[in-house]
């Protein structure tokens, strides 16, 4: 028997950053995101030779060990090891023997939530294999706890829930890790219009989201009121963008996206840089309505909102940069797993 799983990556449409503690603990956070047909895949093969073999195929990293209670968190495949260690302790399991493979359609630092999605995909595979009593909220919260508490990786809370639930979600974040996922029932015509009016551009620059998020956390300092107001604006814009999407008011949606991007840059000097600004300005001059970085910022994927008949002009204009465009479609399904008998 082989267990396989996959979890979708997401685009952060609005509210990103307001899901980061301590901001969301004090003021509450709201994020609008949507999953796309780029995935993290996982294959888990039970073994009977007292061995653990882990392969991150896309990263060309491997780890081998005897089947032990706690795997070392030493910088090599920490996400994979963190899931194993937590499950052993959380459910009082005996050391397991298995071979684990993962592959991501997008690299770490892409701004599509790939690291958190890796954790969700691995968790989903173990849940399938071990028949663990975990629902969607349980998996998302456990994935968050593994990353933030066990591994000490800075970040927000939206990625784990997006990957687990899938689809368009408006997610609320409150104190004590209280999270509410609100699936949005959007007309198919509105989803089609949004998808047709978007370009997804990989800037070709990977960045550390944790560095940017650590800087954003400083907005609660007494001398950072301007940055705090910018985060308030980002959260408020998420409500406007949600309503505009539900009603099909794309003029308001795209204009609010523009304001939201300006506000996001106001939360940290690390959000943007000369390269990102050059790409953005070139896209706008070529006919794009607006755009924003998906994720923490600093690099990774940029979403551009443009009249469909102007797409080719924007694509040609950005040919002078080192990045590339990626085709995508929105998907509704979240993390899933299945068994294969051989």
C-alpha atoms as a PDB file:
ATOM      1  CA  UNK A   1       0.000   0.000   0.000  1.00  0.00           C
ATOM      2  CA  UNK A   2       1.119   3.515  -0.884  1.00  0.00           C
ATOM      3  CA  UNK A   3      -0.493   6.709   0.415  1.00  0.00           C
ATOM      4  CA  UNK A   4      -0.519   9.825  -1.731  1.00  0.00           C
ATOM      5  CA  UNK A   5      -1.735  13.328  -0.978  1.00  0.00           C
ATOM      6  CA  UNK A   6      -1.791  16.756  -2.515  1.00  0.00           C
ATOM      7  CA  UNK A   7      -2.587  20.240  -1.240  1.00  0.00           C
ATOM      8  CA  UNK A   8      -3.131  23.388  -3.345  1.00  0.00           C
ATOM      9  CA  UNK A   9      -1.057  26.558  -3.217  1.00  0.00           C
ATOM     10  CA  UNK A  10      -2.855  29.852  -2.782  1.00  0.00           C
ATOM     11  CA  UNK A  11      -2.969  33.430  -3.978  1.00  0.00           C
ATOM     12  CA  UNK A  12      -3.247  36.009  -1.217  1.00  0.00           C
ATOM     13  CA  UNK A  13      -5.817  38.413  -2.657  1.00  0.00           C
ATOM     14  CA  UNK A  14      -6.405  40.730   0.304  1.00  0.00           C
ATOM     15  CA  UNK A  15      -5.675  41.239   3.989  1.00  0.00           C
ATOM     16  CA  UNK A  16      -2.293  39.528   4.025  1.00  0.00           C
ATOM     17  CA  UNK A  17      -0.258  40.461   7.096  1.00  0.00           C
ATOM     18  CA  UNK A  18      -3.289  40.959   9.321  1.00  0.00           C
ATOM     19  CA  UNK A  19      -3.130  37.204  10.057  1.00  0.00           C
ATOM     20  CA  UNK A  20       0.236  37.596  11.808  1.00  0.00           C
ATOM     21  CA  UNK A  21       0.496  37.615  15.589  1.00  0.00           C
ATOM     22  CA  UNK A  22       0.454  39.797  17.597  1.00  0.00           C
ATOM     23  CA  UNK A  23      -1.568  42.057  15.268  1.00  0.00           C
ATOM     24  CA  UNK A  24      -4.440  39.588  14.813  1.00  0.00           C
ATOM     25  CA  UNK A  25      -4.433  38.781  18.535  1.00  0.00           C
ATOM     26  CA  UNK A  26      -5.045  42.421  19.425  1.00  0.00           C
ATOM     27  CA  UNK A  27      -7.066  43.809  16.510  1.00  0.00           C
ATOM     28  CA  UNK A  28      -8.308  40.717  14.697  1.00  0.00           C
ATOM     29  CA  UNK A  29      -7.257  39.851  11.167  1.00  0.00           C
ATOM     30  CA  UNK A  30      -9.140  39.145   7.936  1.00  0.00           C
ATOM     31  CA  UNK A  31      -7.718  37.571   4.798  1.00  0.00           C
ATOM     32  CA  UNK A  32      -9.197  36.765   1.395  1.00  0.00           C
ATOM     33  CA  UNK A  33      -7.349  34.047  -0.477  1.00  0.00           C
ATOM     34  CA  UNK A  34      -7.988  31.509  -3.221  1.00  0.00           C
ATOM     35  CA  UNK A  35      -6.335  28.233  -4.134  1.00  0.00           C
ATOM     36  CA  UNK A  36      -4.965  27.525  -7.607  1.00  0.00           C
ATOM     37  CA  UNK A  37      -3.964  24.467  -9.620  1.00  0.00           C
ATOM     38  CA  UNK A  38      -0.383  24.440  -8.394  1.00  0.00           C
ATOM     39  CA  UNK A  39       0.186  21.811  -5.726  1.00  0.00           C
ATOM     40  CA  UNK A  40       2.445  20.182  -3.211  1.00  0.00           C
ATOM     41  CA  UNK A  41       2.427  16.403  -3.683  1.00  0.00           C
ATOM     42  CA  UNK A  42       3.338  13.764  -1.142  1.00  0.00           C
ATOM     43  CA  UNK A  43       3.888  10.010  -1.414  1.00  0.00           C
ATOM     44  CA  UNK A  44       4.253   7.880   1.715  1.00  0.00           C
ATOM     45  CA  UNK A  45       5.390   4.257   1.563  1.00  0.00           C
ATOM     46  CA  UNK A  46       5.228   2.222   4.798  1.00  0.00           C
ATOM     47  CA  UNK A  47       8.416   0.205   5.371  1.00  0.00           C
ATOM     48  CA  UNK A  48       9.216  -2.824   7.498  1.00  0.00           C
ATOM     49  CA  UNK A  49      12.978  -2.442   7.867  1.00  0.00           C
ATOM     50  CA  UNK A  50      13.170   0.004  10.793  1.00  0.00           C
ATOM     51  CA  UNK A  51      14.230   2.846   8.476  1.00  0.00           C
ATOM     52  CA  UNK A  52      13.046   6.382   7.739  1.00  0.00           C
ATOM     53  CA  UNK A  53      13.822   7.792   4.298  1.00  0.00           C
ATOM     54  CA  UNK A  54      12.722  11.336   3.359  1.00  0.00           C
ATOM     55  CA  UNK A  55      13.139  12.888  -0.095  1.00  0.00           C
ATOM     56  CA  UNK A  56      12.258  16.462  -1.121  1.00  0.00           C
ATOM     57  CA  UNK A  57      12.475  15.829  -4.850  1.00  0.00           C
ATOM     58  CA  UNK A  58      12.174  19.452  -5.988  1.00  0.00           C
ATOM     59  CA  UNK A  59      14.869  20.567  -3.545  1.00  0.00           C
ATOM     60  CA  UNK A  60      17.136  17.577  -4.211  1.00  0.00           C
ATOM     61  CA  UNK A  61      17.425  16.955  -0.463  1.00  0.00           C
ATOM     62  CA  UNK A  62      17.425  13.603   1.300  1.00  0.00           C
ATOM     63  CA  UNK A  63      17.472  12.370   4.872  1.00  0.00           C
ATOM     64  CA  UNK A  64      17.867   8.851   6.209  1.00  0.00           C
ATOM     65  CA  UNK A  65      17.698   7.537   9.737  1.00  0.00           C
ATOM     66  CA  UNK A  66      16.838   4.538  11.790  1.00  0.00           C
ATOM     67  CA  UNK A  67      13.276   4.560  13.004  1.00  0.00           C
ATOM     68  CA  UNK A  68      13.548   6.664  16.165  1.00  0.00           C
ATOM     69  CA  UNK A  69      11.244   8.664  18.412  1.00  0.00           C
ATOM     70  CA  UNK A  70      12.541  12.157  17.553  1.00  0.00           C
ATOM     71  CA  UNK A  71      14.242  13.230  14.335  1.00  0.00           C
ATOM     72  CA  UNK A  72      16.901  15.971  14.614  1.00  0.00           C
ATOM     73  CA  UNK A  73      15.834  19.493  13.671  1.00  0.00           C
ATOM     74  CA  UNK A  74      19.130  20.479  12.091  1.00  0.00           C
ATOM     75  CA  UNK A  75      18.256  22.475   8.994  1.00  0.00           C
ATOM     76  CA  UNK A  76      17.756  19.492   6.693  1.00  0.00           C
ATOM     77  CA  UNK A  77      14.078  18.944   5.801  1.00  0.00           C
ATOM     78  CA  UNK A  78      12.895  20.427   9.084  1.00  0.00           C
ATOM     79  CA  UNK A  79       9.286  20.702   7.881  1.00  0.00           C
ATOM     80  CA  UNK A  80       9.107  16.972   7.170  1.00  0.00           C
ATOM     81  CA  UNK A  81      10.798  16.041  10.428  1.00  0.00           C
ATOM     82  CA  UNK A  82       8.639  18.463  12.377  1.00  0.00           C
ATOM     83  CA  UNK A  83       5.458  16.726  11.226  1.00  0.00           C
ATOM     84  CA  UNK A  84       6.811  13.314  12.213  1.00  0.00           C
ATOM     85  CA  UNK A  85       8.027  14.480  15.619  1.00  0.00           C
ATOM     86  CA  UNK A  86       4.756  16.203  16.448  1.00  0.00           C
ATOM     87  CA  UNK A  87       2.603  13.226  15.467  1.00  0.00           C
ATOM     88  CA  UNK A  88       4.720  10.842  17.527  1.00  0.00           C
ATOM     89  CA  UNK A  89       4.312  13.036  20.596  1.00  0.00           C
ATOM     90  CA  UNK A  90       0.750  14.236  20.010  1.00  0.00           C
ATOM     91  CA  UNK A  91      -0.691  10.746  19.550  1.00  0.00           C
ATOM     92  CA  UNK A  92       1.810   8.787  21.678  1.00  0.00           C
ATOM     93  CA  UNK A  93       2.894   6.669  18.735  1.00  0.00           C
ATOM     94  CA  UNK A  94       5.735   4.226  18.470  1.00  0.00           C
ATOM     95  CA  UNK A  95       8.561   5.152  16.050  1.00  0.00           C
ATOM     96  CA  UNK A  96       7.482   4.474  12.470  1.00  0.00           C
ATOM     97  CA  UNK A  97       9.277   3.169   9.395  1.00  0.00           C
ATOM     98  CA  UNK A  98       8.444   4.755   6.046  1.00  0.00           C
ATOM     99  CA  UNK A  99       9.703   6.405   2.887  1.00  0.00           C
ATOM    100  CA  UNK A 100       8.370   9.902   2.220  1.00  0.00           C
ATOM    101  CA  UNK A 101       8.567  11.884  -1.019  1.00  0.00           C
ATOM    102  CA  UNK A 102       7.443  15.485  -1.538  1.00  0.00           C
ATOM    103  CA  UNK A 103       7.357  17.707  -4.586  1.00  0.00           C
ATOM    104  CA  UNK A 104       6.150  21.299  -4.948  1.00  0.00           C
ATOM    105  CA  UNK A 105       5.022  23.015  -8.134  1.00  0.00           C
ATOM    106  CA  UNK A 106       6.421  26.266  -6.731  1.00  0.00           C
ATOM    107  CA  UNK A 107       9.678  26.824  -4.835  1.00  0.00           C
ATOM    108  CA  UNK A 108      10.037  28.070  -1.281  1.00  0.00           C
ATOM    109  CA  UNK A 109       9.981  31.857  -1.156  1.00  0.00           C
ATOM    110  CA  UNK A 110       7.440  32.095  -3.969  1.00  0.00           C
ATOM    111  CA  UNK A 111       4.742  33.865  -1.950  1.00  0.00           C
ATOM    112  CA  UNK A 112       2.214  31.118  -2.658  1.00  0.00           C
ATOM    113  CA  UNK A 113       2.368  29.574   0.808  1.00  0.00           C
ATOM    114  CA  UNK A 114       4.497  26.646  -0.341  1.00  0.00           C
ATOM    115  CA  UNK A 115       6.207  25.885   2.981  1.00  0.00           C
ATOM    116  CA  UNK A 116       2.954  25.658   4.911  1.00  0.00           C
ATOM    117  CA  UNK A 117       1.385  23.666   2.104  1.00  0.00           C
ATOM    118  CA  UNK A 118       4.219  21.137   2.347  1.00  0.00           C
ATOM    119  CA  UNK A 119       3.336  20.634   6.015  1.00  0.00           C
ATOM    120  CA  UNK A 120      -0.379  20.253   5.220  1.00  0.00           C
ATOM    121  CA  UNK A 121       0.292  17.720   2.436  1.00  0.00           C
ATOM    122  CA  UNK A 122       2.529  15.623   4.688  1.00  0.00           C
ATOM    123  CA  UNK A 123       0.021  15.767   7.533  1.00  0.00           C
ATOM    124  CA  UNK A 124      -2.751  14.737   5.161  1.00  0.00           C
ATOM    125  CA  UNK A 125      -0.747  11.680   4.089  1.00  0.00           C
ATOM    126  CA  UNK A 126      -0.126  10.603   7.682  1.00  0.00           C
ATOM    127  CA  UNK A 127      -3.785  11.152   8.561  1.00  0.00           C
ATOM    128  CA  UNK A 128      -4.716   8.817   5.695  1.00  0.00           C
ATOM    129  CA  UNK A 129      -2.122   6.194   6.639  1.00  0.00           C
ATOM    130  CA  UNK A 130      -2.755   6.168  10.386  1.00  0.00           C
ATOM    131  CA  UNK A 131      -6.499   6.928  10.292  1.00  0.00           C
ATOM    132  CA  UNK A 132      -5.976   9.863  12.633  1.00  0.00           C
ATOM    133  CA  UNK A 133      -9.155  11.588  13.899  1.00  0.00           C
ATOM    134  CA  UNK A 134      -8.372  15.012  12.453  1.00  0.00           C
ATOM    135  CA  UNK A 135     -10.779  17.273  10.584  1.00  0.00           C
ATOM    136  CA  UNK A 136      -9.948  20.275   8.414  1.00  0.00           C
ATOM    137  CA  UNK A 137      -9.620  22.765  11.273  1.00  0.00           C
ATOM    138  CA  UNK A 138      -7.506  20.260  13.223  1.00  0.00           C
ATOM    139  CA  UNK A 139      -5.076  19.714  10.348  1.00  0.00           C
ATOM    140  CA  UNK A 140      -4.716  23.433   9.635  1.00  0.00           C
ATOM    141  CA  UNK A 141      -4.169  24.334  13.287  1.00  0.00           C
ATOM    142  CA  UNK A 142      -1.707  21.468  13.790  1.00  0.00           C
ATOM    143  CA  UNK A 143       0.239  22.526  10.688  1.00  0.00           C
ATOM    144  CA  UNK A 144       0.393  26.089  12.031  1.00  0.00           C
ATOM    145  CA  UNK A 145       1.553  24.910  15.451  1.00  0.00           C
ATOM    146  CA  UNK A 146       4.291  22.722  13.960  1.00  0.00           C
ATOM    147  CA  UNK A 147       5.716  25.609  11.930  1.00  0.00           C
ATOM    148  CA  UNK A 148       5.375  28.431  14.400  1.00  0.00           C
ATOM    149  CA  UNK A 149       5.751  26.710  17.783  1.00  0.00           C
ATOM    150  CA  UNK A 150       7.772  23.548  17.192  1.00  0.00           C
ATOM    151  CA  UNK A 151      10.074  24.855  14.464  1.00  0.00           C
ATOM    152  CA  UNK A 152      10.071  28.545  15.396  1.00  0.00           C
ATOM    153  CA  UNK A 153       9.386  29.770  11.836  1.00  0.00           C
ATOM    154  CA  UNK A 154       7.832  33.233  11.703  1.00  0.00           C
ATOM    155  CA  UNK A 155       4.730  33.621   9.594  1.00  0.00           C
ATOM    156  CA  UNK A 156       1.021  34.192   9.432  1.00  0.00           C
ATOM    157  CA  UNK A 157      -1.901  31.818   9.808  1.00  0.00           C
ATOM    158  CA  UNK A 158      -3.663  31.930   6.444  1.00  0.00           C
ATOM    159  CA  UNK A 159      -1.578  29.465   4.407  1.00  0.00           C
ATOM    160  CA  UNK A 160      -2.375  26.343   6.419  1.00  0.00           C
ATOM    161  CA  UNK A 161      -6.122  27.006   6.279  1.00  0.00           C
ATOM    162  CA  UNK A 162      -6.089  27.845   2.565  1.00  0.00           C
ATOM    163  CA  UNK A 163      -4.258  24.621   1.705  1.00  0.00           C
ATOM    164  CA  UNK A 164      -6.498  22.499   3.918  1.00  0.00           C
ATOM    165  CA  UNK A 165      -9.896  23.940   2.961  1.00  0.00           C
ATOM    166  CA  UNK A 166      -9.307  25.005  -0.657  1.00  0.00           C
ATOM    167  CA  UNK A 167     -11.394  27.423  -2.740  1.00  0.00           C
ATOM    168  CA  UNK A 168     -12.127  31.095  -2.141  1.00  0.00           C
ATOM    169  CA  UNK A 169     -12.154  31.782   1.594  1.00  0.00           C
ATOM    170  CA  UNK A 170     -12.548  34.854   3.753  1.00  0.00           C
ATOM    171  CA  UNK A 171     -10.728  33.860   6.928  1.00  0.00           C
ATOM    172  CA  UNK A 172     -10.968  35.638  10.287  1.00  0.00           C
ATOM    173  CA  UNK A 173      -8.193  35.438  12.880  1.00  0.00           C
ATOM    174  CA  UNK A 174      -8.560  36.285  16.547  1.00  0.00           C
ATOM    175  CA  UNK A 175      -6.781  35.842  19.858  1.00  0.00           C
ATOM    176  CA  UNK A 176      -5.944  32.386  21.249  1.00  0.00           C
ATOM    177  CA  UNK A 177      -5.643  30.924  17.740  1.00  0.00           C
ATOM    178  CA  UNK A 178      -9.368  31.314  17.157  1.00  0.00           C
ATOM    179  CA  UNK A 179      -9.900  31.051  13.396  1.00  0.00           C
ATOM    180  CA  UNK A 180     -13.113  31.127  11.353  1.00  0.00           C
ATOM    181  CA  UNK A 181     -13.048  30.009   7.714  1.00  0.00           C
ATOM    182  CA  UNK A 182     -15.859  31.491   5.627  1.00  0.00           C
ATOM    183  CA  UNK A 183     -16.087  29.760   2.224  1.00  0.00           C
ATOM    184  CA  UNK A 184     -17.338  32.238  -0.366  1.00  0.00           C
ATOM    185  CA  UNK A 185     -20.076  31.280  -2.793  1.00  0.00           C
ATOM    186  CA  UNK A 186     -18.985  33.277  -5.825  1.00  0.00           C
ATOM    187  CA  UNK A 187     -20.820  33.203  -9.146  1.00  0.00           C
ATOM    188  CA  UNK A 188     -18.965  31.179 -11.745  1.00  0.00           C
ATOM    189  CA  UNK A 189     -19.043  34.178 -14.095  1.00  0.00           C
ATOM    190  CA  UNK A 190     -17.269  36.303 -11.473  1.00  0.00           C
ATOM    191  CA  UNK A 191     -14.596  33.649 -10.926  1.00  0.00           C
ATOM    192  CA  UNK A 192     -14.114  33.404 -14.676  1.00  0.00           C
ATOM    193  CA  UNK A 193     -13.819  37.164 -15.030  1.00  0.00           C
ATOM    194  CA  UNK A 194     -11.268  37.409 -12.234  1.00  0.00           C
ATOM    195  CA  UNK A 195      -9.221  34.528 -13.636  1.00  0.00           C
ATOM    196  CA  UNK A 196      -9.355  35.927 -17.165  1.00  0.00           C
ATOM    197  CA  UNK A 197      -8.304  39.370 -15.896  1.00  0.00           C
ATOM    198  CA  UNK A 198      -5.229  38.125 -14.049  1.00  0.00           C
ATOM    199  CA  UNK A 199      -1.635  37.412 -14.924  1.00  0.00           C
ATOM    200  CA  UNK A 200       0.620  35.523 -12.527  1.00  0.00           C
ATOM    201  CA  UNK A 201       4.217  36.622 -12.877  1.00  0.00           C
ATOM    202  CA  UNK A 202       7.136  34.910 -11.183  1.00  0.00           C
ATOM    203  CA  UNK A 203       9.670  37.641 -10.494  1.00  0.00           C
ATOM    204  CA  UNK A 204      12.397  35.012 -10.320  1.00  0.00           C
ATOM    205  CA  UNK A 205      13.510  36.286  -6.922  1.00  0.00           C
ATOM    206  CA  UNK A 206      13.100  34.037  -3.886  1.00  0.00           C
ATOM    207  CA  UNK A 207      12.889  35.692  -0.496  1.00  0.00           C
ATOM    208  CA  UNK A 208      12.589  34.799   3.160  1.00  0.00           C
ATOM    209  CA  UNK A 209       9.046  35.617   4.285  1.00  0.00           C
ATOM    210  CA  UNK A 210      10.025  35.186   7.943  1.00  0.00           C
ATOM    211  CA  UNK A 211      12.446  38.126   7.725  1.00  0.00           C
ATOM    212  CA  UNK A 212       9.739  40.401   6.360  1.00  0.00           C
ATOM    213  CA  UNK A 213       7.168  39.180   8.871  1.00  0.00           C
ATOM    214  CA  UNK A 214       9.569  39.740  11.768  1.00  0.00           C
ATOM    215  CA  UNK A 215       9.914  43.321  10.560  1.00  0.00           C
ATOM    216  CA  UNK A 216       6.135  43.737  10.258  1.00  0.00           C
ATOM    217  CA  UNK A 217       5.675  42.655  13.856  1.00  0.00           C
ATOM    218  CA  UNK A 218       7.362  45.894  14.885  1.00  0.00           C
ATOM    219  CA  UNK A 219       4.282  47.865  13.816  1.00  0.00           C
ATOM    220  CA  UNK A 220       2.939  47.488  17.341  1.00  0.00           C
ATOM    221  CA  UNK A 221       5.818  49.533  18.719  1.00  0.00           C
ATOM    222  CA  UNK A 222       4.813  52.961  20.002  1.00  0.00           C
ATOM    223  CA  UNK A 223       6.829  54.766  17.296  1.00  0.00           C
ATOM    224  CA  UNK A 224       5.329  52.790  14.400  1.00  0.00           C
ATOM    225  CA  UNK A 225       1.828  54.267  14.284  1.00  0.00           C
ATOM    226  CA  UNK A 226       1.996  55.010  10.551  1.00  0.00           C
ATOM    227  CA  UNK A 227       2.814  51.372   9.792  1.00  0.00           C
ATOM    228  CA  UNK A 228       0.032  50.248  12.118  1.00  0.00           C
ATOM    229  CA  UNK A 229      -2.456  52.461  10.262  1.00  0.00           C
ATOM    230  CA  UNK A 230      -1.305  50.884   7.001  1.00  0.00           C
ATOM    231  CA  UNK A 231      -2.098  47.420   8.380  1.00  0.00           C
ATOM    232  CA  UNK A 232      -5.522  48.628   9.506  1.00  0.00           C
ATOM    233  CA  UNK A 233      -6.105  49.838   5.945  1.00  0.00           C
ATOM    234  CA  UNK A 234      -5.077  46.469   4.499  1.00  0.00           C
ATOM    235  CA  UNK A 235      -7.587  44.725   6.735  1.00  0.00           C
ATOM    236  CA  UNK A 236     -10.358  47.176   5.857  1.00  0.00           C
ATOM    237  CA  UNK A 237      -9.617  46.755   2.146  1.00  0.00           C
ATOM    238  CA  UNK A 238     -10.120  43.006   2.470  1.00  0.00           C
ATOM    239  CA  UNK A 239     -13.807  43.616   3.259  1.00  0.00           C
ATOM    240  CA  UNK A 240     -14.159  45.929   0.247  1.00  0.00           C
ATOM    241  CA  UNK A 241     -12.457  43.469  -2.102  1.00  0.00           C
ATOM    242  CA  UNK A 242     -14.551  40.573  -0.808  1.00  0.00           C
ATOM    243  CA  UNK A 243     -17.788  42.473  -1.417  1.00  0.00           C
ATOM    244  CA  UNK A 244     -16.631  43.635  -4.852  1.00  0.00           C
ATOM    245  CA  UNK A 245     -15.810  40.053  -5.867  1.00  0.00           C
ATOM    246  CA  UNK A 246     -19.138  38.711  -4.636  1.00  0.00           C
ATOM    247  CA  UNK A 247     -21.036  41.452  -6.495  1.00  0.00           C
ATOM    248  CA  UNK A 248     -18.874  41.346  -9.616  1.00  0.00           C
ATOM    249  CA  UNK A 249     -17.795  44.982  -9.232  1.00  0.00           C
ATOM    250  CA  UNK A 250     -14.374  44.610 -10.815  1.00  0.00           C
ATOM    251  CA  UNK A 251     -13.755  48.335 -11.218  1.00  0.00           C
ATOM    252  CA  UNK A 252     -13.872  48.702  -7.437  1.00  0.00           C
ATOM    253  CA  UNK A 253     -11.976  45.440  -6.915  1.00  0.00           C
ATOM    254  CA  UNK A 254      -9.021  46.411  -9.102  1.00  0.00           C
ATOM    255  CA  UNK A 255      -8.842  49.980  -7.796  1.00  0.00           C
ATOM    256  CA  UNK A 256      -8.929  48.746  -4.189  1.00  0.00           C
ATOM    257  CA  UNK A 257      -6.161  46.262  -5.035  1.00  0.00           C
ATOM    258  CA  UNK A 258      -4.038  49.241  -6.055  1.00  0.00           C
ATOM    259  CA  UNK A 259      -4.681  51.039  -2.766  1.00  0.00           C
ATOM    260  CA  UNK A 260      -4.056  47.832  -0.819  1.00  0.00           C
ATOM    261  CA  UNK A 261      -0.668  47.338  -2.476  1.00  0.00           C
ATOM    262  CA  UNK A 262       0.371  50.876  -1.518  1.00  0.00           C
ATOM    263  CA  UNK A 263      -0.760  50.236   2.064  1.00  0.00           C
ATOM    264  CA  UNK A 264       1.107  46.930   2.195  1.00  0.00           C
ATOM    265  CA  UNK A 265       4.345  48.647   1.251  1.00  0.00           C
ATOM    266  CA  UNK A 266       3.755  50.967   4.182  1.00  0.00           C
ATOM    267  CA  UNK A 267       3.999  48.094   6.691  1.00  0.00           C
ATOM    268  CA  UNK A 268       7.658  47.296   5.988  1.00  0.00           C
ATOM    269  CA  UNK A 269      10.501  48.652   3.891  1.00  0.00           C
ATOM    270  CA  UNK A 270      11.238  45.046   2.871  1.00  0.00           C
ATOM    271  CA  UNK A 271       7.919  44.534   1.041  1.00  0.00           C
ATOM    272  CA  UNK A 272       9.107  46.065  -2.214  1.00  0.00           C
ATOM    273  CA  UNK A 273      12.389  46.943  -3.940  1.00  0.00           C
ATOM    274  CA  UNK A 274      13.639  48.566  -7.127  1.00  0.00           C
ATOM    275  CA  UNK A 275      13.137  45.430  -9.197  1.00  0.00           C
ATOM    276  CA  UNK A 276       9.561  44.911  -8.013  1.00  0.00           C
ATOM    277  CA  UNK A 277       8.734  48.585  -8.553  1.00  0.00           C
ATOM    278  CA  UNK A 278      10.167  48.480 -12.076  1.00  0.00           C
ATOM    279  CA  UNK A 279       8.087  45.406 -12.927  1.00  0.00           C
ATOM    280  CA  UNK A 280       4.967  46.963 -11.439  1.00  0.00           C
ATOM    281  CA  UNK A 281       5.398  50.344 -13.151  1.00  0.00           C
ATOM    282  CA  UNK A 282       6.117  48.708 -16.514  1.00  0.00           C
ATOM    283  CA  UNK A 283       2.987  46.587 -16.184  1.00  0.00           C
ATOM    284  CA  UNK A 284       0.835  49.623 -15.317  1.00  0.00           C
ATOM    285  CA  UNK A 285       2.232  51.655 -18.230  1.00  0.00           C
ATOM    286  CA  UNK A 286       1.466  48.719 -20.528  1.00  0.00           C
ATOM    287  CA  UNK A 287      -2.189  48.568 -19.535  1.00  0.00           C
ATOM    288  CA  UNK A 288      -2.505  46.720 -16.229  1.00  0.00           C
ATOM    289  CA  UNK A 289      -5.067  48.142 -13.807  1.00  0.00           C
ATOM    290  CA  UNK A 290      -3.148  47.215 -10.671  1.00  0.00           C
ATOM    291  CA  UNK A 291      -1.078  44.481  -9.106  1.00  0.00           C
ATOM    292  CA  UNK A 292       0.398  43.171  -5.891  1.00  0.00           C
ATOM    293  CA  UNK A 293       2.834  40.629  -4.571  1.00  0.00           C
ATOM    294  CA  UNK A 294       1.276  37.396  -3.314  1.00  0.00           C
ATOM    295  CA  UNK A 295       2.556  36.623   0.156  1.00  0.00           C
ATOM    296  CA  UNK A 296       4.847  38.591   2.418  1.00  0.00           C
ATOM    297  CA  UNK A 297       6.571  40.503  -0.391  1.00  0.00           C
ATOM    298  CA  UNK A 298      10.176  41.115  -1.334  1.00  0.00           C
ATOM    299  CA  UNK A 299       9.944  38.850  -4.385  1.00  0.00           C
ATOM    300  CA  UNK A 300       8.179  35.703  -5.489  1.00  0.00           C
ATOM    301  CA  UNK A 301       4.966  35.844  -7.520  1.00  0.00           C
ATOM    302  CA  UNK A 302       3.200  39.041  -8.535  1.00  0.00           C
ATOM    303  CA  UNK A 303      -0.485  39.160  -9.442  1.00  0.00           C
ATOM    304  CA  UNK A 304      -1.363  41.612 -12.193  1.00  0.00           C
ATOM    305  CA  UNK A 305      -4.935  42.680 -12.911  1.00  0.00           C
ATOM    306  CA  UNK A 306      -5.481  43.670 -16.526  1.00  0.00           C
ATOM    307  CA  UNK A 307      -8.128  43.950 -19.231  1.00  0.00           C
ATOM    308  CA  UNK A 308      -7.957  40.560 -21.005  1.00  0.00           C
ATOM    309  CA  UNK A 309      -7.473  42.245 -24.398  1.00  0.00           C
ATOM    310  CA  UNK A 310      -4.358  43.984 -22.999  1.00  0.00           C
ATOM    311  CA  UNK A 311      -2.732  40.846 -21.637  1.00  0.00           C
ATOM    312  CA  UNK A 312      -0.385  40.256 -24.555  1.00  0.00           C
ATOM    313  CA  UNK A 313       0.863  43.843 -24.430  1.00  0.00           C
ATOM    314  CA  UNK A 314       1.689  43.482 -20.724  1.00  0.00           C
ATOM    315  CA  UNK A 315       3.364  40.117 -21.303  1.00  0.00           C
ATOM    316  CA  UNK A 316       5.559  41.567 -24.048  1.00  0.00           C
ATOM    317  CA  UNK A 317       6.455  44.615 -21.967  1.00  0.00           C
ATOM    318  CA  UNK A 318       7.694  42.477 -19.087  1.00  0.00           C
ATOM    319  CA  UNK A 319       9.879  40.472 -21.449  1.00  0.00           C
ATOM    320  CA  UNK A 320      12.772  42.774 -20.554  1.00  0.00           C
ATOM    321  CA  UNK A 321      12.850  41.366 -17.011  1.00  0.00           C
ATOM    322  CA  UNK A 322      14.194  38.008 -15.857  1.00  0.00           C
ATOM    323  CA  UNK A 323      10.898  36.608 -14.573  1.00  0.00           C
ATOM    324  CA  UNK A 324       8.278  34.543 -16.368  1.00  0.00           C
ATOM    325  CA  UNK A 325       4.523  34.088 -16.462  1.00  0.00           C
ATOM    326  CA  UNK A 326       2.770  31.028 -15.050  1.00  0.00           C
ATOM    327  CA  UNK A 327      -0.611  29.814 -16.249  1.00  0.00           C
ATOM    328  CA  UNK A 328      -3.100  28.963 -13.513  1.00  0.00           C
ATOM    329  CA  UNK A 329      -6.739  28.264 -12.754  1.00  0.00           C
ATOM    330  CA  UNK A 330      -8.655  28.605  -9.502  1.00  0.00           C
ATOM    331  CA  UNK A 331      -9.596  25.333  -7.790  1.00  0.00           C
ATOM    332  CA  UNK A 332     -12.147  24.570  -5.094  1.00  0.00           C
ATOM    333  CA  UNK A 333     -10.761  21.390  -3.513  1.00  0.00           C
ATOM    334  CA  UNK A 334      -8.399  21.537  -0.550  1.00  0.00           C
ATOM    335  CA  UNK A 335      -5.963  18.943   0.732  1.00  0.00           C
ATOM    336  CA  UNK A 336      -6.866  15.395  -0.175  1.00  0.00           C
ATOM    337  CA  UNK A 337      -5.348  11.939   0.126  1.00  0.00           C
ATOM    338  CA  UNK A 338      -5.862   8.449  -1.254  1.00  0.00           C
ATOM    339  CA  UNK A 339      -4.439   4.958  -1.159  1.00  0.00           C
ATOM    340  CA  UNK A 340      -2.843   2.966  -3.960  1.00  0.00           C
ATOM    341  CA  UNK A 341      -2.508  -0.793  -3.696  1.00  0.00           C
ATOM    342  CA  UNK A 342       0.340  -2.400  -5.620  1.00  0.00           C
END
